[in-house]
């Protein structure tokens, strides 16, 4: 994981494409090219094809990377916009 959040991911909607055994989820952005990993948290309950809207005043930033099936994708979390 990164010490500080990095790149802002420019999307306002994510769709879950796969849920991992640990509860984290791989999602695609509304441009269908951006793929990210959202880490599971205590209250997370992701499911396939779930749509997640980025709340007003929030943005998605990269906090690390994840490698699976030969691909590396950004790990993201939600932050307040500045």
PDB file of N, CA and C in Angstrom:
ATOM      1  N   UNK A   1       0.832  -1.182   0.000  1.00  0.00           N
ATOM      2  CA  UNK A   1       0.000   0.000   0.000  1.00  0.00           C
ATOM      3  C   UNK A   1       0.882   1.253   0.000  1.00  0.00           C
ATOM      4  N   UNK A   2       0.331   2.307  -0.506  1.00  0.00           N
ATOM      5  CA  UNK A   2       1.059   3.568  -0.609  1.00  0.00           C
ATOM      6  C   UNK A   2       0.971   4.342   0.705  1.00  0.00           C
ATOM      7  N   UNK A   3       1.983   5.147   0.993  1.00  0.00           N
ATOM      8  CA  UNK A   3       1.964   5.956   2.217  1.00  0.00           C
ATOM      9  C   UNK A   3       0.920   7.058   2.154  1.00  0.00           C
ATOM     10  N   UNK A   4       0.716   7.622   0.957  1.00  0.00           N
ATOM     11  CA  UNK A   4      -0.265   8.684   0.752  1.00  0.00           C
ATOM     12  C   UNK A   4      -1.118   8.326  -0.454  1.00  0.00           C
ATOM     13  N   UNK A   5      -2.399   8.705  -0.439  1.00  0.00           N
ATOM     14  CA  UNK A   5      -3.229   8.476  -1.627  1.00  0.00           C
ATOM     15  C   UNK A   5      -2.607   9.159  -2.839  1.00  0.00           C
ATOM     16  N   UNK A   6      -2.722   8.504  -3.978  1.00  0.00           N
ATOM     17  CA  UNK A   6      -2.104   9.012  -5.187  1.00  0.00           C
ATOM     18  C   UNK A   6      -3.152   9.529  -6.169  1.00  0.00           C
ATOM     19  N   UNK A   7      -3.118   8.999  -7.348  1.00  0.00           N
ATOM     20  CA  UNK A   7      -3.944   9.430  -8.466  1.00  0.00           C
ATOM     21  C   UNK A   7      -5.426   9.378  -8.137  1.00  0.00           C
ATOM     22  N   UNK A   8      -6.142  10.431  -8.545  1.00  0.00           N
ATOM     23  CA  UNK A   8      -7.598  10.425  -8.445  1.00  0.00           C
ATOM     24  C   UNK A   8      -8.146   9.680  -9.656  1.00  0.00           C
ATOM     25  N   UNK A   9      -9.056   8.747  -9.410  1.00  0.00           N
ATOM     26  CA  UNK A   9      -9.696   7.975 -10.476  1.00  0.00           C
ATOM     27  C   UNK A   9     -10.931   8.751 -10.906  1.00  0.00           C
ATOM     28  N   UNK A  10     -10.976   9.128 -12.158  1.00  0.00           N
ATOM     29  CA  UNK A  10     -12.038  10.002 -12.660  1.00  0.00           C
ATOM     30  C   UNK A  10     -13.266   9.191 -13.079  1.00  0.00           C
ATOM     31  N   UNK A  11     -14.092   8.849 -12.117  1.00  0.00           N
ATOM     32  CA  UNK A  11     -15.356   8.167 -12.382  1.00  0.00           C
ATOM     33  C   UNK A  11     -16.327   8.495 -11.259  1.00  0.00           C
ATOM     34  N   UNK A  12     -17.586   8.488 -11.544  1.00  0.00           N
ATOM     35  CA  UNK A  12     -18.605   8.775 -10.527  1.00  0.00           C
ATOM     36  C   UNK A  12     -19.468   7.559 -10.220  1.00  0.00           C
ATOM     37  N   UNK A  13     -19.296   6.487 -11.015  1.00  0.00           N
ATOM     38  CA  UNK A  13     -20.051   5.260 -10.777  1.00  0.00           C
ATOM     39  C   UNK A  13     -19.133   4.071 -10.998  1.00  0.00           C
ATOM     40  N   UNK A  14     -19.239   3.084 -10.119  1.00  0.00           N
ATOM     41  CA  UNK A  14     -18.502   1.834 -10.260  1.00  0.00           C
ATOM     42  C   UNK A  14     -19.500   0.687 -10.306  1.00  0.00           C
ATOM     43  N   UNK A  15     -19.187  -0.348 -11.094  1.00  0.00           N
ATOM     44  CA  UNK A  15     -20.017  -1.553 -11.112  1.00  0.00           C
ATOM     45  C   UNK A  15     -19.143  -2.735 -10.722  1.00  0.00           C
ATOM     46  N   UNK A  16     -19.581  -3.480  -9.713  1.00  0.00           N
ATOM     47  CA  UNK A  16     -18.828  -4.631  -9.233  1.00  0.00           C
ATOM     48  C   UNK A  16     -18.850  -5.722 -10.299  1.00  0.00           C
ATOM     49  N   UNK A  17     -17.661  -6.236 -10.638  1.00  0.00           N
ATOM     50  CA  UNK A  17     -17.576  -7.313 -11.623  1.00  0.00           C
ATOM     51  C   UNK A  17     -17.188  -8.644 -10.985  1.00  0.00           C
ATOM     52  N   UNK A  18     -16.568  -8.585  -9.794  1.00  0.00           N
ATOM     53  CA  UNK A  18     -16.159  -9.813  -9.117  1.00  0.00           C
ATOM     54  C   UNK A  18     -15.966  -9.514  -7.638  1.00  0.00           C
ATOM     55  N   UNK A  19     -16.385 -10.440  -6.791  1.00  0.00           N
ATOM     56  CA  UNK A  19     -16.170 -10.312  -5.349  1.00  0.00           C
ATOM     57  C   UNK A  19     -15.180 -11.396  -4.947  1.00  0.00           C
ATOM     58  N   UNK A  20     -14.112 -10.986  -4.284  1.00  0.00           N
ATOM     59  CA  UNK A  20     -13.069 -11.920  -3.871  1.00  0.00           C
ATOM     60  C   UNK A  20     -13.462 -12.627  -2.580  1.00  0.00           C
ATOM     61  N   UNK A  21     -12.759 -13.705  -2.270  1.00  0.00           N
ATOM     62  CA  UNK A  21     -13.062 -14.493  -1.070  1.00  0.00           C
ATOM     63  C   UNK A  21     -12.977 -13.678   0.215  1.00  0.00           C
ATOM     64  N   UNK A  22     -12.118 -12.654   0.241  1.00  0.00           N
ATOM     65  CA  UNK A  22     -11.970 -11.844   1.454  1.00  0.00           C
ATOM     66  C   UNK A  22     -13.019 -10.731   1.554  1.00  0.00           C
ATOM     67  N   UNK A  23     -13.936 -10.651   0.574  1.00  0.00           N
ATOM     68  CA  UNK A  23     -14.993  -9.639   0.602  1.00  0.00           C
ATOM     69  C   UNK A  23     -14.677  -8.388  -0.191  1.00  0.00           C
ATOM     70  N   UNK A  24     -13.425  -8.203  -0.595  1.00  0.00           N
ATOM     71  CA  UNK A  24     -13.068  -7.063  -1.440  1.00  0.00           C
ATOM     72  C   UNK A  24     -13.680  -7.272  -2.828  1.00  0.00           C
ATOM     73  N   UNK A  25     -13.789  -6.196  -3.605  1.00  0.00           N
ATOM     74  CA  UNK A  25     -14.470  -6.301  -4.891  1.00  0.00           C
ATOM     75  C   UNK A  25     -13.692  -5.622  -6.002  1.00  0.00           C
ATOM     76  N   UNK A  26     -13.702  -6.266  -7.169  1.00  0.00           N
ATOM     77  CA  UNK A  26     -13.165  -5.659  -8.382  1.00  0.00           C
ATOM     78  C   UNK A  26     -14.330  -4.977  -9.077  1.00  0.00           C
ATOM     79  N   UNK A  27     -14.092  -3.729  -9.488  1.00  0.00           N
ATOM     80  CA  UNK A  27     -15.169  -2.938 -10.098  1.00  0.00           C
ATOM     81  C   UNK A  27     -14.657  -2.224 -11.327  1.00  0.00           C
ATOM     82  N   UNK A  28     -15.589  -1.883 -12.208  1.00  0.00           N
ATOM     83  CA  UNK A  28     -15.278  -1.090 -13.402  1.00  0.00           C
ATOM     84  C   UNK A  28     -15.912   0.271 -13.273  1.00  0.00           C
ATOM     85  N   UNK A  29     -15.192   1.267 -13.785  1.00  0.00           N
ATOM     86  CA  UNK A  29     -15.717   2.626 -13.810  1.00  0.00           C
ATOM     87  C   UNK A  29     -16.723   2.802 -14.917  1.00  0.00           C
ATOM     88  N   UNK A  30     -17.383   3.945 -14.929  1.00  0.00           N
ATOM     89  CA  UNK A  30     -18.421   4.193 -15.924  1.00  0.00           C
ATOM     90  C   UNK A  30     -17.874   4.327 -17.341  1.00  0.00           C
ATOM     91  N   UNK A  31     -16.547   4.398 -17.498  1.00  0.00           N
ATOM     92  CA  UNK A  31     -15.957   4.417 -18.843  1.00  0.00           C
ATOM     93  C   UNK A  31     -15.671   3.007 -19.355  1.00  0.00           C
ATOM     94  N   UNK A  32     -15.901   1.985 -18.539  1.00  0.00           N
ATOM     95  CA  UNK A  32     -15.710   0.570 -18.845  1.00  0.00           C
ATOM     96  C   UNK A  32     -14.262   0.191 -19.114  1.00  0.00           C
ATOM     97  N   UNK A  33     -13.325   1.117 -18.982  1.00  0.00           N
ATOM     98  CA  UNK A  33     -11.900   0.803 -19.147  1.00  0.00           C
ATOM     99  C   UNK A  33     -11.214   0.754 -17.797  1.00  0.00           C
ATOM    100  N   UNK A  34     -11.657   1.574 -16.875  1.00  0.00           N
ATOM    101  CA  UNK A  34     -11.039   1.652 -15.562  1.00  0.00           C
ATOM    102  C   UNK A  34     -11.484   0.464 -14.720  1.00  0.00           C
ATOM    103  N   UNK A  35     -10.522  -0.287 -14.197  1.00  0.00           N
ATOM    104  CA  UNK A  35     -10.824  -1.407 -13.309  1.00  0.00           C
ATOM    105  C   UNK A  35     -10.060  -1.167 -12.016  1.00  0.00           C
ATOM    106  N   UNK A  36     -10.723  -1.347 -10.870  1.00  0.00           N
ATOM    107  CA  UNK A  36     -10.131  -1.055  -9.572  1.00  0.00           C
ATOM    108  C   UNK A  36     -10.523  -2.129  -8.564  1.00  0.00           C
ATOM    109  N   UNK A  37      -9.813  -2.166  -7.449  1.00  0.00           N
ATOM    110  CA  UNK A  37     -10.151  -3.035  -6.326  1.00  0.00           C
ATOM    111  C   UNK A  37     -10.606  -2.155  -5.171  1.00  0.00           C
ATOM    112  N   UNK A  38     -11.778  -2.459  -4.641  1.00  0.00           N
ATOM    113  CA  UNK A  38     -12.292  -1.774  -3.451  1.00  0.00           C
ATOM    114  C   UNK A  38     -12.123  -2.740  -2.284  1.00  0.00           C
ATOM    115  N   UNK A  39     -11.379  -2.335  -1.274  1.00  0.00           N
ATOM    116  CA  UNK A  39     -11.138  -3.209  -0.129  1.00  0.00           C
ATOM    117  C   UNK A  39     -12.394  -3.371   0.710  1.00  0.00           C
ATOM    118  N   UNK A  40     -12.573  -4.578   1.241  1.00  0.00           N
ATOM    119  CA  UNK A  40     -13.695  -4.848   2.140  1.00  0.00           C
ATOM    120  C   UNK A  40     -13.453  -4.128   3.465  1.00  0.00           C
ATOM    121  N   UNK A  41     -14.509  -3.592   3.993  1.00  0.00           N
ATOM    122  CA  UNK A  41     -14.469  -2.979   5.325  1.00  0.00           C
ATOM    123  C   UNK A  41     -15.516  -3.690   6.165  1.00  0.00           C
ATOM    124  N   UNK A  42     -15.568  -3.390   7.447  1.00  0.00           N
ATOM    125  CA  UNK A  42     -16.475  -4.087   8.361  1.00  0.00           C
ATOM    126  C   UNK A  42     -17.914  -4.129   7.866  1.00  0.00           C
ATOM    127  N   UNK A  43     -18.393  -3.047   7.271  1.00  0.00           N
ATOM    128  CA  UNK A  43     -19.795  -2.993   6.857  1.00  0.00           C
ATOM    129  C   UNK A  43     -19.981  -3.282   5.363  1.00  0.00           C
ATOM    130  N   UNK A  44     -18.920  -3.745   4.680  1.00  0.00           N
ATOM    131  CA  UNK A  44     -19.010  -4.017   3.246  1.00  0.00           C
ATOM    132  C   UNK A  44     -19.775  -5.303   2.978  1.00  0.00           C
ATOM    133  N   UNK A  45     -20.581  -5.284   1.945  1.00  0.00           N
ATOM    134  CA  UNK A  45     -21.273  -6.487   1.474  1.00  0.00           C
ATOM    135  C   UNK A  45     -21.474  -6.319  -0.020  1.00  0.00           C
ATOM    136  N   UNK A  46     -20.441  -6.612  -0.798  1.00  0.00           N
ATOM    137  CA  UNK A  46     -20.500  -6.421  -2.233  1.00  0.00           C
ATOM    138  C   UNK A  46     -21.142  -7.624  -2.917  1.00  0.00           C
ATOM    139  N   UNK A  47     -21.720  -7.393  -4.100  1.00  0.00           N
ATOM    140  CA  UNK A  47     -22.278  -8.471  -4.905  1.00  0.00           C
ATOM    141  C   UNK A  47     -22.106  -8.124  -6.378  1.00  0.00           C
ATOM    142  N   UNK A  48     -22.089  -9.141  -7.236  1.00  0.00           N
ATOM    143  CA  UNK A  48     -21.885  -8.946  -8.678  1.00  0.00           C
ATOM    144  C   UNK A  48     -22.925  -7.991  -9.254  1.00  0.00           C
ATOM    145  N   UNK A  49     -22.475  -7.125 -10.131  1.00  0.00           N
ATOM    146  CA  UNK A  49     -23.289  -6.136 -10.853  1.00  0.00           C
ATOM    147  C   UNK A  49     -23.839  -5.020  -9.956  1.00  0.00           C
ATOM    148  N   UNK A  50     -23.410  -4.977  -8.706  1.00  0.00           N
ATOM    149  CA  UNK A  50     -23.815  -3.886  -7.812  1.00  0.00           C
ATOM    150  C   UNK A  50     -23.249  -2.583  -8.358  1.00  0.00           C
ATOM    151  N   UNK A  51     -24.036  -1.543  -8.360  1.00  0.00           N
ATOM    152  CA  UNK A  51     -23.581  -0.218  -8.798  1.00  0.00           C
ATOM    153  C   UNK A  51     -23.316   0.624  -7.561  1.00  0.00           C
ATOM    154  N   UNK A  52     -22.161   1.259  -7.554  1.00  0.00           N
ATOM    155  CA  UNK A  52     -21.772   2.118  -6.433  1.00  0.00           C
ATOM    156  C   UNK A  52     -21.562   3.514  -6.977  1.00  0.00           C
ATOM    157  N   UNK A  53     -22.338   4.454  -6.466  1.00  0.00           N
ATOM    158  CA  UNK A  53     -22.210   5.855  -6.872  1.00  0.00           C
ATOM    159  C   UNK A  53     -21.259   6.541  -5.904  1.00  0.00           C
ATOM    160  N   UNK A  54     -20.326   7.288  -6.451  1.00  0.00           N
ATOM    161  CA  UNK A  54     -19.414   8.058  -5.610  1.00  0.00           C
ATOM    162  C   UNK A  54     -20.239   9.207  -5.017  1.00  0.00           C
ATOM    163  N   UNK A  55     -20.329   9.291  -3.692  1.00  0.00           N
ATOM    164  CA  UNK A  55     -21.149  10.337  -3.080  1.00  0.00           C
ATOM    165  C   UNK A  55     -20.673  11.744  -3.452  1.00  0.00           C
ATOM    166  N   UNK A  56     -21.609  12.681  -3.506  1.00  0.00           N
ATOM    167  CA  UNK A  56     -21.250  14.082  -3.746  1.00  0.00           C
ATOM    168  C   UNK A  56     -20.232  14.519  -2.712  1.00  0.00           C
ATOM    169  N   UNK A  57     -19.236  15.257  -3.151  1.00  0.00           N
ATOM    170  CA  UNK A  57     -18.194  15.747  -2.259  1.00  0.00           C
ATOM    171  C   UNK A  57     -17.085  14.736  -2.004  1.00  0.00           C
ATOM    172  N   UNK A  58     -17.178  13.554  -2.617  1.00  0.00           N
ATOM    173  CA  UNK A  58     -16.159  12.520  -2.458  1.00  0.00           C
ATOM    174  C   UNK A  58     -15.493  12.245  -3.796  1.00  0.00           C
ATOM    175  N   UNK A  59     -14.326  11.642  -3.748  1.00  0.00           N
ATOM    176  CA  UNK A  59     -13.625  11.195  -4.944  1.00  0.00           C
ATOM    177  C   UNK A  59     -12.955   9.864  -4.620  1.00  0.00           C
ATOM    178  N   UNK A  60     -12.479   9.202  -5.656  1.00  0.00           N
ATOM    179  CA  UNK A  60     -11.792   7.921  -5.492  1.00  0.00           C
ATOM    180  C   UNK A  60     -10.316   8.158  -5.771  1.00  0.00           C
ATOM    181  N   UNK A  61      -9.454   7.690  -4.844  1.00  0.00           N
ATOM    182  CA  UNK A  61      -8.010   7.827  -5.034  1.00  0.00           C
ATOM    183  C   UNK A  61      -7.336   6.478  -4.864  1.00  0.00           C
ATOM    184  N   UNK A  62      -6.262   6.308  -5.611  1.00  0.00           N
ATOM    185  CA  UNK A  62      -5.471   5.086  -5.523  1.00  0.00           C
ATOM    186  C   UNK A  62      -4.696   5.062  -4.220  1.00  0.00           C
ATOM    187  N   UNK A  63      -4.762   3.907  -3.519  1.00  0.00           N
ATOM    188  CA  UNK A  63      -4.011   3.745  -2.278  1.00  0.00           C
ATOM    189  C   UNK A  63      -3.031   2.579  -2.350  1.00  0.00           C
ATOM    190  N   UNK A  64      -3.011   1.871  -3.481  1.00  0.00           N
ATOM    191  CA  UNK A  64      -2.101   0.747  -3.643  1.00  0.00           C
ATOM    192  C   UNK A  64      -2.347   0.065  -4.969  1.00  0.00           C
ATOM    193  N   UNK A  65      -1.779  -1.132  -5.120  1.00  0.00           N
ATOM    194  CA  UNK A  65      -1.999  -1.931  -6.329  1.00  0.00           C
ATOM    195  C   UNK A  65      -2.312  -3.363  -5.925  1.00  0.00           C
ATOM    196  N   UNK A  66      -2.966  -4.079  -6.837  1.00  0.00           N
ATOM    197  CA  UNK A  66      -3.369  -5.463  -6.622  1.00  0.00           C
ATOM    198  C   UNK A  66      -3.115  -6.226  -7.907  1.00  0.00           C
ATOM    199  N   UNK A  67      -2.505  -7.411  -7.783  1.00  0.00           N
ATOM    200  CA  UNK A  67      -2.214  -8.211  -8.969  1.00  0.00           C
ATOM    201  C   UNK A  67      -2.997  -9.515  -8.900  1.00  0.00           C
ATOM    202  N   UNK A  68      -3.711  -9.808 -10.014  1.00  0.00           N
ATOM    203  CA  UNK A  68      -4.472 -11.043 -10.113  1.00  0.00           C
ATOM    204  C   UNK A  68      -4.604 -11.400 -11.586  1.00  0.00           C
ATOM    205  N   UNK A  69      -4.472 -12.666 -11.892  1.00  0.00           N
ATOM    206  CA  UNK A  69      -4.602 -13.153 -13.272  1.00  0.00           C
ATOM    207  C   UNK A  69      -3.666 -12.410 -14.229  1.00  0.00           C
ATOM    208  N   UNK A  70      -2.475 -12.053 -13.769  1.00  0.00           N
ATOM    209  CA  UNK A  70      -1.502 -11.401 -14.620  1.00  0.00           C
ATOM    210  C   UNK A  70      -1.746  -9.921 -14.863  1.00  0.00           C
ATOM    211  N   UNK A  71      -2.780  -9.351 -14.232  1.00  0.00           N
ATOM    212  CA  UNK A  71      -3.071  -7.915 -14.375  1.00  0.00           C
ATOM    213  C   UNK A  71      -2.800  -7.222 -13.051  1.00  0.00           C
ATOM    214  N   UNK A  72      -2.373  -5.981 -13.121  1.00  0.00           N
ATOM    215  CA  UNK A  72      -2.206  -5.162 -11.933  1.00  0.00           C
ATOM    216  C   UNK A  72      -3.183  -3.997 -12.037  1.00  0.00           C
ATOM    217  N   UNK A  73      -4.001  -3.828 -11.000  1.00  0.00           N
ATOM    218  CA  UNK A  73      -4.997  -2.760 -10.990  1.00  0.00           C
ATOM    219  C   UNK A  73      -4.841  -1.933  -9.722  1.00  0.00           C
ATOM    220  N   UNK A  74      -5.335  -0.673  -9.744  1.00  0.00           N
ATOM    221  CA  UNK A  74      -5.231   0.154  -8.545  1.00  0.00           C
ATOM    222  C   UNK A  74      -6.199  -0.295  -7.455  1.00  0.00           C
ATOM    223  N   UNK A  75      -5.727  -0.214  -6.222  1.00  0.00           N
ATOM    224  CA  UNK A  75      -6.583  -0.376  -5.045  1.00  0.00           C
ATOM    225  C   UNK A  75      -7.033   1.035  -4.689  1.00  0.00           C
ATOM    226  N   UNK A  76      -8.329   1.216  -4.447  1.00  0.00           N
ATOM    227  CA  UNK A  76      -8.844   2.565  -4.222  1.00  0.00           C
ATOM    228  C   UNK A  76      -9.641   2.667  -2.930  1.00  0.00           C
ATOM    229  N   UNK A  77      -9.835   3.912  -2.509  1.00  0.00           N
ATOM    230  CA  UNK A  77     -10.709   4.225  -1.383  1.00  0.00           C
ATOM    231  C   UNK A  77     -11.357   5.573  -1.679  1.00  0.00           C
ATOM    232  N   UNK A  78     -12.377   5.899  -0.907  1.00  0.00           N
ATOM    233  CA  UNK A  78     -13.118   7.139  -1.075  1.00  0.00           C
ATOM    234  C   UNK A  78     -12.554   8.214  -0.138  1.00  0.00           C
ATOM    235  N   UNK A  79     -12.392   9.432  -0.669  1.00  0.00           N
ATOM    236  CA  UNK A  79     -11.852  10.557   0.087  1.00  0.00           C
ATOM    237  C   UNK A  79     -12.702  11.781  -0.145  1.00  0.00           C
ATOM    238  N   UNK A  80     -12.631  12.734   0.770  1.00  0.00           N
ATOM    239  CA  UNK A  80     -13.284  14.026   0.552  1.00  0.00           C
ATOM    240  C   UNK A  80     -12.556  14.770  -0.555  1.00  0.00           C
ATOM    241  N   UNK A  81     -13.348  15.413  -1.433  1.00  0.00           N
ATOM    242  CA  UNK A  81     -12.732  16.245  -2.469  1.00  0.00           C
ATOM    243  C   UNK A  81     -12.157  17.477  -1.805  1.00  0.00           C
ATOM    244  N   UNK A  82     -11.125  18.031  -2.406  1.00  0.00           N
ATOM    245  CA  UNK A  82     -10.520  19.237  -1.832  1.00  0.00           C
ATOM    246  C   UNK A  82     -10.714  20.394  -2.747  1.00  0.00           C
TER     247      UNK A  82
END
